[in-house]
Amino acid sequence: MHSIPAPAARIPQLEQLNASPGTRVVFYDPTGSRFGLPTYPWKWAPKNLKTRRQLAALGLRPGGQAPIAQILWRKGGRRAYLYDITRALPKRKPTGKQLDALDKALRARRTRRHERGAS
């Protein structure tokens, strides 16, 4: 499922915190030794790594690449996979037939809902 992790992107501020006695950043594992993939805390991922939603906002998609890192937050209960923006591809444009089919399906859905509510 996952590709071989890319070379670890270390973040100096987090490295310094981890080096301080009595302090440890829980979800910081740039080598992937603890969590399987290079892991960063919320809002600390390197700039070239983006989530699917961030890629979509830029008009991109992962393009078949496996996640190369992850973000963990909420005591490890939430996870977001990260993809390399340099390997991302442009979003595909739907064909006219696909748009017509979507329009037809949405119209049928609205009609059926209205019929159910009337009876």
PDB file of N, CA and C in Angstrom:
ATOM      1  N   MET A   1       0.818  -1.194   0.000  1.00  0.00           N
ATOM      2  CA  MET A   1       0.000   0.000   0.000  1.00  0.00           C
ATOM      3  C   MET A   1       0.858   1.252   0.000  1.00  0.00           C
ATOM      4  N   HIS A   2       1.867   1.297   0.823  1.00  0.00           N
ATOM      5  CA  HIS A   2       2.693   2.495   0.929  1.00  0.00           C
ATOM      6  C   HIS A   2       3.989   2.303   0.156  1.00  0.00           C
ATOM      7  N   SER A   3       4.477   3.388  -0.389  1.00  0.00           N
ATOM      8  CA  SER A   3       5.756   3.333  -1.070  1.00  0.00           C
ATOM      9  C   SER A   3       6.879   3.417  -0.046  1.00  0.00           C
ATOM     10  N   ILE A   4       8.076   3.229  -0.513  1.00  0.00           N
ATOM     11  CA  ILE A   4       9.237   3.365   0.360  1.00  0.00           C
ATOM     12  C   ILE A   4       9.342   4.830   0.753  1.00  0.00           C
ATOM     13  N   PRO A   5       9.454   5.117   2.050  1.00  0.00           N
ATOM     14  CA  PRO A   5       9.493   6.514   2.481  1.00  0.00           C
ATOM     15  C   PRO A   5      10.619   7.300   1.821  1.00  0.00           C
ATOM     16  N   ALA A   6      10.298   8.532   1.474  1.00  0.00           N
ATOM     17  CA  ALA A   6      11.285   9.440   0.900  1.00  0.00           C
ATOM     18  C   ALA A   6      12.299   9.806   1.975  1.00  0.00           C
ATOM     19  N   PRO A   7      13.432  10.350   1.575  1.00  0.00           N
ATOM     20  CA  PRO A   7      14.381  10.798   2.593  1.00  0.00           C
ATOM     21  C   PRO A   7      13.693  11.708   3.601  1.00  0.00           C
ATOM     22  N   ALA A   8      14.005  11.488   4.851  1.00  0.00           N
ATOM     23  CA  ALA A   8      13.319  12.196   5.938  1.00  0.00           C
ATOM     24  C   ALA A   8      13.547  13.700   5.849  1.00  0.00           C
ATOM     25  N   ALA A   9      12.442  14.431   5.910  1.00  0.00           N
ATOM     26  CA  ALA A   9      12.517  15.886   5.972  1.00  0.00           C
ATOM     27  C   ALA A   9      12.458  16.266   7.441  1.00  0.00           C
ATOM     28  N   ARG A  10      13.570  16.694   7.967  1.00  0.00           N
ATOM     29  CA  ARG A  10      13.648  17.040   9.385  1.00  0.00           C
ATOM     30  C   ARG A  10      13.294  18.507   9.572  1.00  0.00           C
ATOM     31  N   ILE A  11      12.650  18.784  10.686  1.00  0.00           N
ATOM     32  CA  ILE A  11      12.221  20.147  10.995  1.00  0.00           C
ATOM     33  C   ILE A  11      13.019  20.605  12.216  1.00  0.00           C
ATOM     34  N   PRO A  12      13.907  21.586  12.040  1.00  0.00           N
ATOM     35  CA  PRO A  12      14.814  21.986  13.120  1.00  0.00           C
ATOM     36  C   PRO A  12      14.119  22.346  14.439  1.00  0.00           C
ATOM     37  N   GLN A  13      12.988  23.058  14.378  1.00  0.00           N
ATOM     38  CA  GLN A  13      12.303  23.449  15.617  1.00  0.00           C
ATOM     39  C   GLN A  13      11.841  22.218  16.401  1.00  0.00           C
ATOM     40  N   LEU A  14      11.311  21.213  15.690  1.00  0.00           N
ATOM     41  CA  LEU A  14      10.840  20.004  16.357  1.00  0.00           C
ATOM     42  C   LEU A  14      12.008  19.156  16.848  1.00  0.00           C
ATOM     43  N   GLU A  15      13.087  19.136  16.088  1.00  0.00           N
ATOM     44  CA  GLU A  15      14.291  18.411  16.516  1.00  0.00           C
ATOM     45  C   GLU A  15      14.805  19.007  17.831  1.00  0.00           C
ATOM     46  N   GLN A  16      14.803  20.333  17.918  1.00  0.00           N
ATOM     47  CA  GLN A  16      15.286  21.017  19.120  1.00  0.00           C
ATOM     48  C   GLN A  16      14.385  20.701  20.323  1.00  0.00           C
ATOM     49  N   LEU A  17      13.073  20.686  20.100  1.00  0.00           N
ATOM     50  CA  LEU A  17      12.153  20.339  21.192  1.00  0.00           C
ATOM     51  C   LEU A  17      12.386  18.915  21.681  1.00  0.00           C
ATOM     52  N   ASN A  18      12.572  17.984  20.751  1.00  0.00           N
ATOM     53  CA  ASN A  18      12.807  16.591  21.139  1.00  0.00           C
ATOM     54  C   ASN A  18      14.140  16.419  21.857  1.00  0.00           C
ATOM     55  N   ALA A  19      15.094  17.275  21.559  1.00  0.00           N
ATOM     56  CA  ALA A  19      16.399  17.180  22.206  1.00  0.00           C
ATOM     57  C   ALA A  19      16.380  17.748  23.624  1.00  0.00           C
ATOM     58  N   SER A  20      15.387  18.590  23.924  1.00  0.00           N
ATOM     59  CA  SER A  20      15.289  19.184  25.263  1.00  0.00           C
ATOM     60  C   SER A  20      14.869  18.128  26.272  1.00  0.00           C
ATOM     61  N   PRO A  21      15.511  18.084  27.440  1.00  0.00           N
ATOM     62  CA  PRO A  21      15.113  17.107  28.445  1.00  0.00           C
ATOM     63  C   PRO A  21      13.671  17.338  28.914  1.00  0.00           C
ATOM     64  N   GLY A  22      12.926  16.256  29.018  1.00  0.00           N
ATOM     65  CA  GLY A  22      11.555  16.333  29.503  1.00  0.00           C
ATOM     66  C   GLY A  22      10.541  16.783  28.472  1.00  0.00           C
ATOM     67  N   THR A  23      10.963  16.974  27.226  1.00  0.00           N
ATOM     68  CA  THR A  23      10.058  17.415  26.173  1.00  0.00           C
ATOM     69  C   THR A  23      10.115  16.431  25.012  1.00  0.00           C
ATOM     70  N   ARG A  24       8.955  16.111  24.461  1.00  0.00           N
ATOM     71  CA  ARG A  24       8.923  15.242  23.286  1.00  0.00           C
ATOM     72  C   ARG A  24       7.689  15.575  22.460  1.00  0.00           C
ATOM     73  N   VAL A  25       7.887  15.765  21.175  1.00  0.00           N
ATOM     74  CA  VAL A  25       6.769  15.989  20.262  1.00  0.00           C
ATOM     75  C   VAL A  25       6.258  14.602  19.874  1.00  0.00           C
ATOM     76  N   VAL A  26       5.033  14.294  20.263  1.00  0.00           N
ATOM     77  CA  VAL A  26       4.513  12.932  20.151  1.00  0.00           C
ATOM     78  C   VAL A  26       4.476  12.428  18.719  1.00  0.00           C
ATOM     79  N   PHE A  27       3.897  13.176  17.798  1.00  0.00           N
ATOM     80  CA  PHE A  27       3.728  12.687  16.430  1.00  0.00           C
ATOM     81  C   PHE A  27       4.770  13.243  15.474  1.00  0.00           C
ATOM     82  N   TYR A  28       6.015  13.222  15.893  1.00  0.00           N
ATOM     83  CA  TYR A  28       7.097  13.642  15.008  1.00  0.00           C
ATOM     84  C   TYR A  28       8.036  12.460  14.829  1.00  0.00           C
ATOM     85  N   ASP A  29       8.002  11.869  13.646  1.00  0.00           N
ATOM     86  CA  ASP A  29       8.820  10.704  13.323  1.00  0.00           C
ATOM     87  C   ASP A  29       9.230  10.797  11.854  1.00  0.00           C
ATOM     88  N   PRO A  30      10.202  11.655  11.522  1.00  0.00           N
ATOM     89  CA  PRO A  30      10.536  11.875  10.114  1.00  0.00           C
ATOM     90  C   PRO A  30      11.136  10.656   9.417  1.00  0.00           C
ATOM     91  N   THR A  31      11.608   9.681  10.175  1.00  0.00           N
ATOM     92  CA  THR A  31      12.181   8.487   9.548  1.00  0.00           C
ATOM     93  C   THR A  31      11.141   7.392   9.326  1.00  0.00           C
ATOM     94  N   GLY A  32      10.020   7.470  10.008  1.00  0.00           N
ATOM     95  CA  GLY A  32       8.994   6.445   9.871  1.00  0.00           C
ATOM     96  C   GLY A  32       9.245   5.213  10.704  1.00  0.00           C
ATOM     97  N   SER A  33      10.174   5.274  11.655  1.00  0.00           N
ATOM     98  CA  SER A  33      10.525   4.097  12.449  1.00  0.00           C
ATOM     99  C   SER A  33       9.432   3.718  13.450  1.00  0.00           C
ATOM    100  N   ARG A  34       8.674   4.682  13.963  1.00  0.00           N
ATOM    101  CA  ARG A  34       7.617   4.373  14.946  1.00  0.00           C
ATOM    102  C   ARG A  34       6.261   4.127  14.306  1.00  0.00           C
ATOM    103  N   PHE A  35       5.915   4.904  13.284  1.00  0.00           N
ATOM    104  CA  PHE A  35       4.572   4.845  12.721  1.00  0.00           C
ATOM    105  C   PHE A  35       4.508   4.246  11.325  1.00  0.00           C
ATOM    106  N   GLY A  36       5.607   3.748  10.796  1.00  0.00           N
ATOM    107  CA  GLY A  36       5.605   3.105   9.483  1.00  0.00           C
ATOM    108  C   GLY A  36       5.835   4.042   8.316  1.00  0.00           C
ATOM    109  N   LEU A  37       5.364   5.243   8.402  1.00  0.00           N
ATOM    110  CA  LEU A  37       5.579   6.281   7.394  1.00  0.00           C
ATOM    111  C   LEU A  37       6.157   7.499   8.107  1.00  0.00           C
ATOM    112  N   PRO A  38       6.928   8.332   7.410  1.00  0.00           N
ATOM    113  CA  PRO A  38       7.341   9.577   8.047  1.00  0.00           C
ATOM    114  C   PRO A  38       6.099  10.300   8.560  1.00  0.00           C
ATOM    115  N   THR A  39       6.131  10.731   9.814  1.00  0.00           N
ATOM    116  CA  THR A  39       4.955  11.290  10.473  1.00  0.00           C
ATOM    117  C   THR A  39       5.272  12.667  11.045  1.00  0.00           C
ATOM    118  N   TYR A  40       4.316  13.563  10.850  1.00  0.00           N
ATOM    119  CA  TYR A  40       4.472  14.933  11.320  1.00  0.00           C
ATOM    120  C   TYR A  40       3.259  15.335  12.138  1.00  0.00           C
ATOM    121  N   PRO A  41       3.443  16.247  13.107  1.00  0.00           N
ATOM    122  CA  PRO A  41       2.286  16.752  13.841  1.00  0.00           C
ATOM    123  C   PRO A  41       1.456  17.692  12.955  1.00  0.00           C
ATOM    124  N   TRP A  42       0.245  17.975  13.404  1.00  0.00           N
ATOM    125  CA  TRP A  42      -0.673  18.865  12.707  1.00  0.00           C
ATOM    126  C   TRP A  42       0.002  20.185  12.357  1.00  0.00           C
ATOM    127  N   LYS A  43      -0.095  20.593  11.101  1.00  0.00           N
ATOM    128  CA  LYS A  43       0.432  21.852  10.556  1.00  0.00           C
ATOM    129  C   LYS A  43       1.960  21.932  10.505  1.00  0.00           C
ATOM    130  N   TRP A  44       2.659  20.804  10.628  1.00  0.00           N
ATOM    131  CA  TRP A  44       4.115  20.831  10.587  1.00  0.00           C
ATOM    132  C   TRP A  44       4.702  20.043   9.418  1.00  0.00           C
ATOM    133  N   ALA A  45       3.912  19.618   8.475  1.00  0.00           N
ATOM    134  CA  ALA A  45       4.430  18.847   7.341  1.00  0.00           C
ATOM    135  C   ALA A  45       5.266  19.742   6.424  1.00  0.00           C
ATOM    136  N   PRO A  46       6.264  19.172   5.760  1.00  0.00           N
ATOM    137  CA  PRO A  46       7.055  19.953   4.801  1.00  0.00           C
ATOM    138  C   PRO A  46       6.159  20.536   3.701  1.00  0.00           C
ATOM    139  N   LYS A  47       6.545  21.643   3.140  1.00  0.00           N
ATOM    140  CA  LYS A  47       5.721  22.381   2.177  1.00  0.00           C
ATOM    141  C   LYS A  47       5.426  21.606   0.895  1.00  0.00           C
ATOM    142  N   ASN A  48       6.295  20.666   0.507  1.00  0.00           N
ATOM    143  CA  ASN A  48       6.076  19.930  -0.736  1.00  0.00           C
ATOM    144  C   ASN A  48       5.133  18.737  -0.565  1.00  0.00           C
ATOM    145  N   LEU A  49       4.643  18.502   0.654  1.00  0.00           N
ATOM    146  CA  LEU A  49       3.714  17.402   0.904  1.00  0.00           C
ATOM    147  C   LEU A  49       2.318  17.966   1.169  1.00  0.00           C
ATOM    148  N   LYS A  50       1.334  17.419   0.478  1.00  0.00           N
ATOM    149  CA  LYS A  50      -0.045  17.913   0.595  1.00  0.00           C
ATOM    150  C   LYS A  50      -1.010  16.743   0.756  1.00  0.00           C
ATOM    151  N   THR A  51      -2.148  17.007   1.415  1.00  0.00           N
ATOM    152  CA  THR A  51      -3.210  16.010   1.531  1.00  0.00           C
ATOM    153  C   THR A  51      -4.005  15.984   0.222  1.00  0.00           C
ATOM    154  N   ARG A  52      -4.894  14.997   0.082  1.00  0.00           N
ATOM    155  CA  ARG A  52      -5.742  14.924  -1.113  1.00  0.00           C
ATOM    156  C   ARG A  52      -6.567  16.200  -1.291  1.00  0.00           C
ATOM    157  N   ARG A  53      -7.127  16.703  -0.199  1.00  0.00           N
ATOM    158  CA  ARG A  53      -7.944  17.916  -0.298  1.00  0.00           C
ATOM    159  C   ARG A  53      -7.115  19.127  -0.703  1.00  0.00           C
ATOM    160  N   GLN A  54      -5.901  19.209  -0.180  1.00  0.00           N
ATOM    161  CA  GLN A  54      -5.036  20.328  -0.557  1.00  0.00           C
ATOM    162  C   GLN A  54      -4.653  20.227  -2.026  1.00  0.00           C
ATOM    163  N   LEU A  55      -4.391  19.007  -2.498  1.00  0.00           N
ATOM    164  CA  LEU A  55      -4.094  18.821  -3.921  1.00  0.00           C
ATOM    165  C   LEU A  55      -5.302  19.223  -4.765  1.00  0.00           C
ATOM    166  N   ALA A  56      -6.489  18.800  -4.353  1.00  0.00           N
ATOM    167  CA  ALA A  56      -7.710  19.118  -5.103  1.00  0.00           C
ATOM    168  C   ALA A  56      -7.924  20.626  -5.187  1.00  0.00           C
ATOM    169  N   ALA A  57      -7.633  21.324  -4.097  1.00  0.00           N
ATOM    170  CA  ALA A  57      -7.785  22.780  -4.089  1.00  0.00           C
ATOM    171  C   ALA A  57      -6.829  23.444  -5.086  1.00  0.00           C
ATOM    172  N   LEU A  58      -5.737  22.776  -5.374  1.00  0.00           N
ATOM    173  CA  LEU A  58      -4.762  23.287  -6.342  1.00  0.00           C
ATOM    174  C   LEU A  58      -5.029  22.782  -7.762  1.00  0.00           C
ATOM    175  N   GLY A  59      -6.126  22.012  -7.926  1.00  0.00           N
ATOM    176  CA  GLY A  59      -6.454  21.458  -9.235  1.00  0.00           C
ATOM    177  C   GLY A  59      -5.625  20.238  -9.579  1.00  0.00           C
ATOM    178  N   LEU A  60      -5.147  19.528  -8.552  1.00  0.00           N
ATOM    179  CA  LEU A  60      -4.298  18.362  -8.764  1.00  0.00           C
ATOM    180  C   LEU A  60      -4.914  17.125  -8.115  1.00  0.00           C
ATOM    181  N   ARG A  61      -4.351  15.963  -8.437  1.00  0.00           N
ATOM    182  CA  ARG A  61      -4.729  14.691  -7.823  1.00  0.00           C
ATOM    183  C   ARG A  61      -3.455  13.890  -7.586  1.00  0.00           C
ATOM    184  N   PRO A  62      -3.483  12.890  -6.686  1.00  0.00           N
ATOM    185  CA  PRO A  62      -2.262  12.125  -6.415  1.00  0.00           C
ATOM    186  C   PRO A  62      -1.701  11.417  -7.650  1.00  0.00           C
ATOM    187  N   GLY A  63      -2.555  11.003  -8.563  1.00  0.00           N
ATOM    188  CA  GLY A  63      -2.065  10.414  -9.807  1.00  0.00           C
ATOM    189  C   GLY A  63      -1.461   9.034  -9.639  1.00  0.00           C
ATOM    190  N   GLY A  64      -2.000   8.231  -8.753  1.00  0.00           N
ATOM    191  CA  GLY A  64      -1.527   6.857  -8.599  1.00  0.00           C
ATOM    192  C   GLY A  64      -0.370   6.684  -7.631  1.00  0.00           C
ATOM    193  N   GLN A  65       0.210   7.754  -7.152  1.00  0.00           N
ATOM    194  CA  GLN A  65       1.314   7.615  -6.204  1.00  0.00           C
ATOM    195  C   GLN A  65       0.793   7.209  -4.828  1.00  0.00           C
ATOM    196  N   ALA A  66       1.541   6.403  -4.156  1.00  0.00           N
ATOM    197  CA  ALA A  66       1.185   6.006  -2.796  1.00  0.00           C
ATOM    198  C   ALA A  66       1.559   7.140  -1.840  1.00  0.00           C
ATOM    199  N   PRO A  67       0.912   7.211  -0.681  1.00  0.00           N
ATOM    200  CA  PRO A  67       1.284   8.258   0.277  1.00  0.00           C
ATOM    201  C   PRO A  67       2.737   8.080   0.725  1.00  0.00           C
ATOM    202  N   ILE A  68       3.439   9.192   0.886  1.00  0.00           N
ATOM    203  CA  ILE A  68       4.841   9.090   1.295  1.00  0.00           C
ATOM    204  C   ILE A  68       5.058   9.567   2.727  1.00  0.00           C
ATOM    205  N   ALA A  69       4.028  10.138   3.339  1.00  0.00           N
ATOM    206  CA  ALA A  69       4.122  10.569   4.734  1.00  0.00           C
ATOM    207  C   ALA A  69       2.701  10.697   5.274  1.00  0.00           C
ATOM    208  N   GLN A  70       2.598  11.062   6.541  1.00  0.00           N
ATOM    209  CA  GLN A  70       1.285  11.223   7.151  1.00  0.00           C
ATOM    210  C   GLN A  70       1.326  12.277   8.240  1.00  0.00           C
ATOM    211  N   ILE A  71       0.147  12.772   8.575  1.00  0.00           N
ATOM    212  CA  ILE A  71      -0.028  13.676   9.703  1.00  0.00           C
ATOM    213  C   ILE A  71      -0.913  12.935  10.696  1.00  0.00           C
ATOM    214  N   LEU A  72      -0.551  12.964  11.950  1.00  0.00           N
ATOM    215  CA  LEU A  72      -1.392  12.394  13.004  1.00  0.00           C
ATOM    216  C   LEU A  72      -1.764  13.504  13.970  1.00  0.00           C
ATOM    217  N   TRP A  73      -3.007  13.473  14.457  1.00  0.00           N
ATOM    218  CA  TRP A  73      -3.445  14.418  15.480  1.00  0.00           C
ATOM    219  C   TRP A  73      -4.593  13.803  16.260  1.00  0.00           C
ATOM    220  N   ARG A  74      -5.058  14.515  17.274  1.00  0.00           N
ATOM    221  CA  ARG A  74      -6.099  14.030  18.186  1.00  0.00           C
ATOM    222  C   ARG A  74      -5.717  12.690  18.816  1.00  0.00           C
ATOM    223  N   LYS A  75      -4.593  12.679  19.480  1.00  0.00           N
ATOM    224  CA  LYS A  75      -4.089  11.501  20.187  1.00  0.00           C
ATOM    225  C   LYS A  75      -3.926  10.302  19.268  1.00  0.00           C
ATOM    226  N   GLY A  76      -3.639  10.565  18.002  1.00  0.00           N
ATOM    227  CA  GLY A  76      -3.448   9.488  17.033  1.00  0.00           C
ATOM    228  C   GLY A  76      -4.741   8.960  16.451  1.00  0.00           C
ATOM    229  N   GLY A  77      -5.865   9.557  16.841  1.00  0.00           N
ATOM    230  CA  GLY A  77      -7.157   9.111  16.342  1.00  0.00           C
ATOM    231  C   GLY A  77      -7.476   9.615  14.952  1.00  0.00           C
ATOM    232  N   ARG A  78      -6.775  10.623  14.493  1.00  0.00           N
ATOM    233  CA  ARG A  78      -6.991  11.166  13.151  1.00  0.00           C
ATOM    234  C   ARG A  78      -5.700  11.063  12.366  1.00  0.00           C
ATOM    235  N   ARG A  79      -5.845  10.755  11.076  1.00  0.00           N
ATOM    236  CA  ARG A  79      -4.686  10.577  10.204  1.00  0.00           C
ATOM    237  C   ARG A  79      -5.005  11.158   8.831  1.00  0.00           C
ATOM    238  N   ALA A  80      -4.032  11.802   8.236  1.00  0.00           N
ATOM    239  CA  ALA A  80      -4.151  12.291   6.861  1.00  0.00           C
ATOM    240  C   ALA A  80      -2.879  11.895   6.127  1.00  0.00           C
ATOM    241  N   TYR A  81      -3.043  11.233   5.002  1.00  0.00           N
ATOM    242  CA  TYR A  81      -1.886  10.844   4.204  1.00  0.00           C
ATOM    243  C   TYR A  81      -1.414  12.026   3.369  1.00  0.00           C
ATOM    244  N   LEU A  82      -0.117  12.077   3.148  1.00  0.00           N
ATOM    245  CA  LEU A  82       0.499  13.175   2.407  1.00  0.00           C
ATOM    246  C   LEU A  82       1.117  12.661   1.116  1.00  0.00           C
ATOM    247  N   TYR A  83       0.985  13.462   0.067  1.00  0.00           N
ATOM    248  CA  TYR A  83       1.497  13.110  -1.257  1.00  0.00           C
ATOM    249  C   TYR A  83       2.449  14.194  -1.734  1.00  0.00           C
ATOM    250  N   ASP A  84       3.418  13.786  -2.547  1.00  0.00           N
ATOM    251  CA  ASP A  84       4.418  14.710  -3.077  1.00  0.00           C
ATOM    252  C   ASP A  84       3.779  15.538  -4.189  1.00  0.00           C
ATOM    253  N   ILE A  85       3.791  16.845  -4.030  1.00  0.00           N
ATOM    254  CA  ILE A  85       3.148  17.736  -4.995  1.00  0.00           C
ATOM    255  C   ILE A  85       3.870  17.711  -6.345  1.00  0.00           C
ATOM    256  N   THR A  86       5.161  17.396  -6.344  1.00  0.00           N
ATOM    257  CA  THR A  86       5.904  17.382  -7.612  1.00  0.00           C
ATOM    258  C   THR A  86       5.524  16.182  -8.473  1.00  0.00           C
ATOM    259  N   ARG A  87       4.946  15.133  -7.867  1.00  0.00           N
ATOM    260  CA  ARG A  87       4.531  13.951  -8.627  1.00  0.00           C
ATOM    261  C   ARG A  87       3.027  13.927  -8.887  1.00  0.00           C
ATOM    262  N   ALA A  88       2.307  14.947  -8.435  1.00  0.00           N
ATOM    263  CA  ALA A  88       0.853  15.020  -8.624  1.00  0.00           C
ATOM    264  C   ALA A  88       0.538  15.375 -10.075  1.00  0.00           C
ATOM    265  N   LEU A  89      -0.641  14.940 -10.513  1.00  0.00           N
ATOM    266  CA  LEU A  89      -1.090  15.194 -11.880  1.00  0.00           C
ATOM    267  C   LEU A  89      -2.297  16.128 -11.865  1.00  0.00           C
ATOM    268  N   PRO A  90      -2.582  16.779 -13.000  1.00  0.00           N
ATOM    269  CA  PRO A  90      -3.772  17.632 -13.044  1.00  0.00           C
ATOM    270  C   PRO A  90      -5.045  16.802 -12.885  1.00  0.00           C
ATOM    271  N   LYS A  91      -6.084  17.417 -12.316  1.00  0.00           N
ATOM    272  CA  LYS A  91      -7.380  16.751 -12.198  1.00  0.00           C
ATOM    273  C   LYS A  91      -7.917  16.463 -13.596  1.00  0.00           C
ATOM    274  N   ARG A  92      -8.652  15.364 -13.705  1.00  0.00           N
ATOM    275  CA  ARG A  92      -9.265  15.026 -14.987  1.00  0.00           C
ATOM    276  C   ARG A  92     -10.547  15.829 -15.171  1.00  0.00           C
ATOM    277  N   LYS A  93     -10.852  16.156 -16.404  1.00  0.00           N
ATOM    278  CA  LYS A  93     -12.094  16.859 -16.732  1.00  0.00           C
ATOM    279  C   LYS A  93     -13.133  15.821 -17.157  1.00  0.00           C
ATOM    280  N   PRO A  94     -14.363  15.891 -16.615  1.00  0.00           N
ATOM    281  CA  PRO A  94     -15.390  14.941 -17.031  1.00  0.00           C
ATOM    282  C   PRO A  94     -15.824  15.194 -18.476  1.00  0.00           C
ATOM    283  N   THR A  95     -16.193  14.117 -19.159  1.00  0.00           N
ATOM    284  CA  THR A  95     -16.672  14.248 -20.537  1.00  0.00           C
ATOM    285  C   THR A  95     -18.099  14.783 -20.516  1.00  0.00           C
ATOM    286  N   GLY A  96     -18.577  15.177 -21.673  1.00  0.00           N
ATOM    287  CA  GLY A  96     -19.950  15.662 -21.782  1.00  0.00           C
ATOM    288  C   GLY A  96     -20.959  14.595 -21.383  1.00  0.00           C
ATOM    289  N   LYS A  97     -20.698  13.349 -21.774  1.00  0.00           N
ATOM    290  CA  LYS A  97     -21.605  12.254 -21.417  1.00  0.00           C
ATOM    291  C   LYS A  97     -21.628  12.037 -19.904  1.00  0.00           C
ATOM    292  N   GLN A  98     -20.482  12.155 -19.258  1.00  0.00           N
ATOM    293  CA  GLN A  98     -20.432  11.991 -17.799  1.00  0.00           C
ATOM    294  C   GLN A  98     -21.218  13.099 -17.103  1.00  0.00           C
ATOM    295  N   LEU A  99     -21.081  14.320 -17.590  1.00  0.00           N
ATOM    296  CA  LEU A  99     -21.825  15.438 -17.005  1.00  0.00           C
ATOM    297  C   LEU A  99     -23.328  15.259 -17.207  1.00  0.00           C
ATOM    298  N   ASP A 100     -23.731  14.778 -18.398  1.00  0.00           N
ATOM    299  CA  ASP A 100     -25.149  14.520 -18.663  1.00  0.00           C
ATOM    300  C   ASP A 100     -25.691  13.449 -17.724  1.00  0.00           C
ATOM    301  N   ALA A 101     -24.921  12.368 -17.536  1.00  0.00           N
ATOM    302  CA  ALA A 101     -25.359  11.282 -16.652  1.00  0.00           C
ATOM    303  C   ALA A 101     -25.488  11.781 -15.213  1.00  0.00           C
ATOM    304  N   LEU A 102     -24.562  12.601 -14.774  1.00  0.00           N
ATOM    305  CA  LEU A 102     -24.627  13.158 -13.427  1.00  0.00           C
ATOM    306  C   LEU A 102     -25.852  14.051 -13.271  1.00  0.00           C
ATOM    307  N   ASP A 103     -26.101  14.883 -14.264  1.00  0.00           N
ATOM    308  CA  ASP A 103     -27.271  15.758 -14.230  1.00  0.00           C
ATOM    309  C   ASP A 103     -28.555  14.934 -14.159  1.00  0.00           C
ATOM    310  N   LYS A 104     -28.626  13.881 -14.954  1.00  0.00           N
ATOM    311  CA  LYS A 104     -29.808  13.012 -14.964  1.00  0.00           C
ATOM    312  C   LYS A 104     -29.994  12.336 -13.604  1.00  0.00           C
ATOM    313  N   ALA A 105     -28.921  11.851 -13.001  1.00  0.00           N
ATOM    314  CA  ALA A 105     -29.007  11.182 -11.705  1.00  0.00           C
ATOM    315  C   ALA A 105     -29.446  12.156 -10.609  1.00  0.00           C
ATOM    316  N   LEU A 106     -28.909  13.355 -10.623  1.00  0.00           N
ATOM    317  CA  LEU A 106     -29.287  14.352  -9.618  1.00  0.00           C
ATOM    318  C   LEU A 106     -30.744  14.781  -9.785  1.00  0.00           C
ATOM    319  N   ARG A 107     -31.181  14.905 -11.030  1.00  0.00           N
ATOM    320  CA  ARG A 107     -32.572  15.273 -11.285  1.00  0.00           C
ATOM    321  C   ARG A 107     -33.513  14.170 -10.786  1.00  0.00           C
ATOM    322  N   ALA A 108     -33.155  12.903 -11.022  1.00  0.00           N
ATOM    323  CA  ALA A 108     -33.969  11.775 -10.559  1.00  0.00           C
ATOM    324  C   ALA A 108     -34.002  11.730  -9.036  1.00  0.00           C
ATOM    325  N   ARG A 109     -32.890  12.034  -8.417  1.00  0.00           N
ATOM    326  CA  ARG A 109     -32.840  12.031  -6.961  1.00  0.00           C
ATOM    327  C   ARG A 109     -33.755  13.092  -6.366  1.00  0.00           C
ATOM    328  N   ARG A 110     -33.752  14.274  -6.957  1.00  0.00           N
ATOM    329  CA  ARG A 110     -34.626  15.346  -6.478  1.00  0.00           C
ATOM    330  C   ARG A 110     -36.092  14.973  -6.681  1.00  0.00           C
ATOM    331  N   THR A 111     -36.418  14.375  -7.797  1.00  0.00           N
ATOM    332  CA  THR A 111     -37.798  13.990  -8.098  1.00  0.00           C
ATOM    333  C   THR A 111     -38.271  12.932  -7.126  1.00  0.00           C
ATOM    334  N   ARG A 112     -37.466  11.917  -6.872  1.00  0.00           N
ATOM    335  CA  ARG A 112     -37.855  10.836  -5.963  1.00  0.00           C
ATOM    336  C   ARG A 112     -38.050  11.360  -4.546  1.00  0.00           C
ATOM    337  N   ARG A 113     -37.215  12.236  -4.100  1.00  0.00           N
ATOM    338  CA  ARG A 113     -37.356  12.805  -2.759  1.00  0.00           C
ATOM    339  C   ARG A 113     -38.674  13.559  -2.644  1.00  0.00           C
ATOM    340  N   HIS A 114     -38.987  14.316  -3.679  1.00  0.00           N
ATOM    341  CA  HIS A 114     -40.209  15.107  -3.674  1.00  0.00           C
ATOM    342  C   HIS A 114     -41.431  14.186  -3.642  1.00  0.00           C
ATOM    343  N   GLU A 115     -41.393  13.087  -4.402  1.00  0.00           N
ATOM    344  CA  GLU A 115     -42.500  12.131  -4.431  1.00  0.00           C
ATOM    345  C   GLU A 115     -42.703  11.490  -3.074  1.00  0.00           C
ATOM    346  N   ARG A 116     -41.605  11.120  -2.405  1.00  0.00           N
ATOM    347  CA  ARG A 116     -41.689  10.474  -1.070  1.00  0.00           C
ATOM    348  C   ARG A 116     -42.314  11.421  -0.058  1.00  0.00           C
ATOM    349  N   GLY A 117     -41.945  12.691  -0.128  1.00  0.00           N
ATOM    350  CA  GLY A 117     -42.436  13.652   0.839  1.00  0.00           C
ATOM    351  C   GLY A 117     -43.926  13.958   0.648  1.00  0.00           C
ATOM    352  N   ALA A 118     -44.437  13.794  -0.582  1.00  0.00           N
ATOM    353  CA  ALA A 118     -45.827  14.122  -0.871  1.00  0.00           C
ATOM    354  C   ALA A 118     -46.793  13.052  -0.351  1.00  0.00           C
ATOM    355  N   SER A 119     -46.343  11.802  -0.253  1.00  0.00           N
ATOM    356  CA  SER A 119     -47.273  10.753   0.176  1.00  0.00           C
ATOM    357  C   SER A 119     -47.356  10.555   1.647  1.00  0.00           C
TER     358      SER A 119
END
